[in-house]
């Protein structure tokens, strides 16, 4: 709590200095981070998704139920309002 001065007003607070934003130049470059990520993927034996794999995945029937997404969102909104 601030004490009032004899003049009756509260003293001014000195602004606290915020630490400078840490420079991104101190860390690894984006190319180095990507290389590290790709190396981790390779070490774990994970295969990258190819364009053909993506197209095949998109052609398969969806795992989403027959319910329309709008019906689901309306149900979720209603249950959240009822919970208040």
N, C-alpha and C. Protein backbone atom coordinates (compact mmCIF):
# COMPACT_ATOMS: atom_id res chain seq x y z
N UNK A 1 0.84 -1.17 0.00
CA UNK A 1 0.00 0.00 0.00
C UNK A 1 0.89 1.24 0.00
N UNK A 2 0.51 2.21 -0.80
CA UNK A 2 1.30 3.43 -0.90
C UNK A 2 0.90 4.41 0.20
N UNK A 3 1.89 5.06 0.75
CA UNK A 3 1.60 6.09 1.76
C UNK A 3 1.36 7.41 1.05
N UNK A 4 0.49 8.17 1.58
CA UNK A 4 0.23 9.48 1.00
C UNK A 4 1.32 10.45 1.41
N UNK A 5 1.65 11.34 0.50
CA UNK A 5 2.61 12.39 0.81
C UNK A 5 1.94 13.45 1.66
N UNK A 6 2.74 14.34 2.20
CA UNK A 6 2.18 15.41 3.01
C UNK A 6 1.23 16.28 2.21
N UNK A 7 1.43 16.32 0.90
CA UNK A 7 0.55 17.12 0.06
C UNK A 7 -0.83 16.47 -0.09
N UNK A 8 -0.97 15.22 0.35
CA UNK A 8 -2.25 14.55 0.28
C UNK A 8 -2.42 13.66 -0.93
N UNK A 9 -1.46 13.68 -1.79
CA UNK A 9 -1.58 12.81 -2.96
C UNK A 9 -0.64 11.60 -2.82
N UNK A 10 -0.99 10.57 -3.50
CA UNK A 10 -0.17 9.36 -3.44
C UNK A 10 1.07 9.55 -4.31
N UNK A 11 2.18 8.99 -3.89
CA UNK A 11 3.39 9.12 -4.72
C UNK A 11 3.24 8.33 -6.02
N UNK A 12 3.96 8.76 -7.01
CA UNK A 12 3.92 8.05 -8.30
C UNK A 12 4.73 6.77 -8.20
N UNK A 13 4.21 5.77 -8.81
CA UNK A 13 4.96 4.51 -8.88
C UNK A 13 5.90 4.59 -10.07
N UNK A 14 7.10 4.14 -9.85
CA UNK A 14 8.04 4.09 -10.96
C UNK A 14 7.72 2.85 -11.79
N UNK A 15 7.64 3.00 -13.10
CA UNK A 15 7.35 1.83 -13.92
C UNK A 15 8.47 0.80 -13.79
N UNK A 16 8.06 -0.44 -13.67
CA UNK A 16 9.05 -1.51 -13.57
C UNK A 16 9.56 -1.82 -14.96
N UNK A 17 10.84 -2.08 -15.05
CA UNK A 17 11.42 -2.39 -16.35
C UNK A 17 11.08 -3.83 -16.71
N UNK A 18 10.52 -3.99 -17.88
CA UNK A 18 10.23 -5.32 -18.38
C UNK A 18 11.50 -5.89 -18.99
N UNK A 19 11.77 -7.17 -18.75
CA UNK A 19 12.95 -7.74 -19.39
C UNK A 19 12.78 -7.70 -20.90
N UNK A 20 13.85 -7.46 -21.58
CA UNK A 20 13.80 -7.39 -23.04
C UNK A 20 13.37 -8.74 -23.59
N UNK A 21 12.67 -8.71 -24.71
CA UNK A 21 12.24 -9.94 -25.36
C UNK A 21 13.47 -10.72 -25.78
N UNK A 22 13.54 -11.99 -25.40
CA UNK A 22 14.74 -12.75 -25.76
C UNK A 22 14.85 -12.88 -27.28
N UNK A 23 15.99 -12.61 -27.76
CA UNK A 23 16.20 -12.64 -29.20
C UNK A 23 16.13 -14.07 -29.72
N UNK A 24 15.46 -14.22 -30.83
CA UNK A 24 15.39 -15.54 -31.45
C UNK A 24 16.73 -15.92 -32.08
N UNK A 25 17.58 -14.93 -32.29
CA UNK A 25 18.86 -15.22 -32.92
C UNK A 25 19.77 -16.04 -32.01
N UNK A 26 19.46 -16.08 -30.70
CA UNK A 26 20.27 -16.85 -29.77
C UNK A 26 20.03 -18.35 -29.91
N UNK A 27 18.84 -18.71 -30.38
CA UNK A 27 18.49 -20.11 -30.51
C UNK A 27 18.82 -20.64 -31.89
N UNK A 28 18.41 -21.89 -32.13
CA UNK A 28 18.67 -22.47 -33.45
C UNK A 28 17.83 -21.79 -34.53
N UNK A 29 18.36 -21.79 -35.73
CA UNK A 29 17.65 -21.18 -36.85
C UNK A 29 16.48 -22.08 -37.26
N UNK A 30 15.53 -21.56 -38.03
CA UNK A 30 14.42 -22.40 -38.49
C UNK A 30 14.91 -23.62 -39.27
N UNK A 31 15.95 -23.45 -40.05
CA UNK A 31 16.48 -24.59 -40.82
C UNK A 31 17.04 -25.65 -39.88
N UNK A 32 17.72 -25.21 -38.81
CA UNK A 32 18.27 -26.16 -37.85
C UNK A 32 17.16 -26.88 -37.08
N UNK A 33 16.10 -26.14 -36.72
CA UNK A 33 14.98 -26.77 -36.02
C UNK A 33 14.28 -27.79 -36.91
N UNK A 34 14.10 -27.46 -38.21
CA UNK A 34 13.47 -28.40 -39.13
C UNK A 34 14.34 -29.64 -39.29
N UNK A 35 15.65 -29.45 -39.42
CA UNK A 35 16.55 -30.60 -39.56
C UNK A 35 16.48 -31.50 -38.33
N UNK A 36 16.41 -30.88 -37.14
CA UNK A 36 16.31 -31.66 -35.90
C UNK A 36 15.00 -32.44 -35.86
N UNK A 37 13.90 -31.79 -36.26
CA UNK A 37 12.59 -32.45 -36.28
C UNK A 37 12.59 -33.63 -37.25
N UNK A 38 13.12 -33.42 -38.44
CA UNK A 38 13.16 -34.50 -39.43
C UNK A 38 14.05 -35.65 -38.95
N UNK A 39 15.13 -35.33 -38.23
CA UNK A 39 15.99 -36.38 -37.70
C UNK A 39 15.26 -37.19 -36.63
N UNK A 40 14.50 -36.50 -35.77
CA UNK A 40 13.72 -37.21 -34.75
C UNK A 40 12.67 -38.10 -35.38
N UNK A 41 12.03 -37.62 -36.45
CA UNK A 41 11.03 -38.41 -37.15
C UNK A 41 11.68 -39.67 -37.73
N UNK A 42 12.84 -39.48 -38.35
CA UNK A 42 13.53 -40.61 -38.95
C UNK A 42 13.98 -41.61 -37.88
N UNK A 43 14.47 -41.12 -36.75
CA UNK A 43 14.92 -42.00 -35.67
C UNK A 43 13.78 -42.84 -35.11
N UNK A 44 12.58 -42.28 -35.08
CA UNK A 44 11.42 -43.01 -34.56
C UNK A 44 10.76 -43.91 -35.61
N UNK A 45 11.19 -43.80 -36.84
CA UNK A 45 10.63 -44.64 -37.89
C UNK A 45 9.27 -44.17 -38.39
N UNK A 46 8.98 -42.91 -38.21
CA UNK A 46 7.70 -42.36 -38.67
C UNK A 46 7.84 -41.96 -40.13
N UNK A 47 6.88 -42.37 -40.94
CA UNK A 47 6.91 -42.01 -42.35
C UNK A 47 6.10 -40.74 -42.57
N UNK A 48 6.61 -39.87 -43.42
CA UNK A 48 5.90 -38.65 -43.75
C UNK A 48 4.71 -38.95 -44.63
N UNK A 49 3.68 -38.16 -44.53
CA UNK A 49 2.48 -38.33 -45.33
C UNK A 49 2.73 -37.79 -46.73
N UNK A 50 2.56 -38.64 -47.72
CA UNK A 50 2.77 -38.21 -49.10
C UNK A 50 1.45 -37.67 -49.65
N UNK A 51 1.53 -37.03 -50.81
CA UNK A 51 0.33 -36.48 -51.45
C UNK A 51 -0.64 -37.61 -51.81
N UNK A 52 -0.11 -38.75 -52.24
CA UNK A 52 -0.97 -39.89 -52.58
C UNK A 52 -1.67 -40.43 -51.34
N UNK A 53 -0.93 -40.52 -50.23
CA UNK A 53 -1.53 -40.98 -48.97
C UNK A 53 -2.65 -40.03 -48.54
N UNK A 54 -2.42 -38.74 -48.69
CA UNK A 54 -3.42 -37.75 -48.30
C UNK A 54 -4.67 -37.89 -49.15
N UNK A 55 -4.50 -38.04 -50.45
CA UNK A 55 -5.65 -38.19 -51.35
C UNK A 55 -6.43 -39.46 -51.02
N UNK A 56 -5.73 -40.55 -50.71
CA UNK A 56 -6.39 -41.80 -50.35
C UNK A 56 -7.16 -41.63 -49.04
N UNK A 57 -6.56 -40.94 -48.08
CA UNK A 57 -7.22 -40.68 -46.81
C UNK A 57 -8.49 -39.86 -47.00
N UNK A 58 -8.42 -38.84 -47.86
CA UNK A 58 -9.57 -37.98 -48.09
C UNK A 58 -10.69 -38.71 -48.83
N UNK A 59 -10.35 -39.73 -49.62
CA UNK A 59 -11.35 -40.47 -50.39
C UNK A 59 -12.10 -41.48 -49.52
N UNK A 60 -11.51 -41.88 -48.40
CA UNK A 60 -12.17 -42.86 -47.52
C UNK A 60 -13.37 -42.23 -46.83
N UNK A 61 -14.34 -43.04 -46.45
CA UNK A 61 -15.48 -42.50 -45.71
C UNK A 61 -15.01 -41.88 -44.40
N UNK A 62 -15.67 -40.84 -44.02
CA UNK A 62 -15.28 -40.12 -42.81
C UNK A 62 -15.62 -40.92 -41.56
N UNK A 63 -14.84 -40.68 -40.52
CA UNK A 63 -15.11 -41.32 -39.24
C UNK A 63 -16.19 -40.56 -38.47
N UNK A 64 -16.59 -39.39 -38.98
CA UNK A 64 -17.62 -38.59 -38.33
C UNK A 64 -18.96 -39.29 -38.47
N UNK A 65 -19.76 -39.33 -37.42
CA UNK A 65 -21.07 -40.01 -37.53
C UNK A 65 -21.99 -39.32 -38.53
N UNK A 66 -23.11 -39.95 -38.78
CA UNK A 66 -24.05 -39.42 -39.77
C UNK A 66 -24.68 -38.10 -39.34
N UNK A 67 -24.53 -37.75 -38.09
CA UNK A 67 -25.08 -36.51 -37.57
C UNK A 67 -24.41 -35.31 -38.26
N UNK A 68 -25.20 -34.30 -38.54
CA UNK A 68 -24.64 -33.10 -39.15
C UNK A 68 -23.85 -32.32 -38.11
N UNK A 69 -22.80 -31.67 -38.55
CA UNK A 69 -21.96 -30.92 -37.63
C UNK A 69 -22.74 -29.77 -36.99
N UNK A 70 -23.65 -29.15 -37.73
CA UNK A 70 -24.44 -28.05 -37.17
C UNK A 70 -25.32 -28.52 -36.02
N UNK A 71 -25.87 -29.74 -36.14
CA UNK A 71 -26.68 -30.29 -35.06
C UNK A 71 -25.82 -30.53 -33.81
N UNK A 72 -24.62 -31.04 -34.04
CA UNK A 72 -23.72 -31.28 -32.92
C UNK A 72 -23.34 -29.99 -32.22
N UNK A 73 -23.00 -28.95 -32.99
CA UNK A 73 -22.62 -27.67 -32.40
C UNK A 73 -23.78 -27.03 -31.64
N UNK A 74 -25.00 -27.17 -32.17
CA UNK A 74 -26.17 -26.63 -31.46
C UNK A 74 -26.39 -27.38 -30.14
N UNK A 75 -26.22 -28.70 -30.16
CA UNK A 75 -26.35 -29.49 -28.94
C UNK A 75 -25.31 -29.08 -27.91
N UNK A 76 -24.06 -28.91 -28.36
CA UNK A 76 -22.99 -28.52 -27.45
C UNK A 76 -23.24 -27.14 -26.85
N UNK A 77 -23.68 -26.20 -27.66
CA UNK A 77 -23.97 -24.86 -27.18
C UNK A 77 -25.10 -24.89 -26.13
N UNK A 78 -26.13 -25.70 -26.41
CA UNK A 78 -27.26 -25.79 -25.49
C UNK A 78 -26.84 -26.41 -24.16
N UNK A 79 -26.04 -27.47 -24.20
CA UNK A 79 -25.63 -28.10 -22.95
C UNK A 79 -24.73 -27.19 -22.14
N UNK A 80 -23.92 -26.40 -22.78
CA UNK A 80 -23.06 -25.46 -22.06
C UNK A 80 -23.88 -24.37 -21.40
N UNK A 81 -24.92 -23.90 -22.10
CA UNK A 81 -25.77 -22.86 -21.50
C UNK A 81 -26.57 -23.42 -20.33
N UNK A 82 -27.02 -24.66 -20.43
CA UNK A 82 -27.78 -25.26 -19.34
C UNK A 82 -26.90 -25.52 -18.12
N UNK A 83 -25.61 -25.69 -18.32
CA UNK A 83 -24.71 -25.98 -17.23
C UNK A 83 -24.39 -24.74 -16.40
N UNK A 84 -24.67 -23.57 -16.92
CA UNK A 84 -24.35 -22.32 -16.19
C UNK A 84 -25.23 -22.11 -15.03
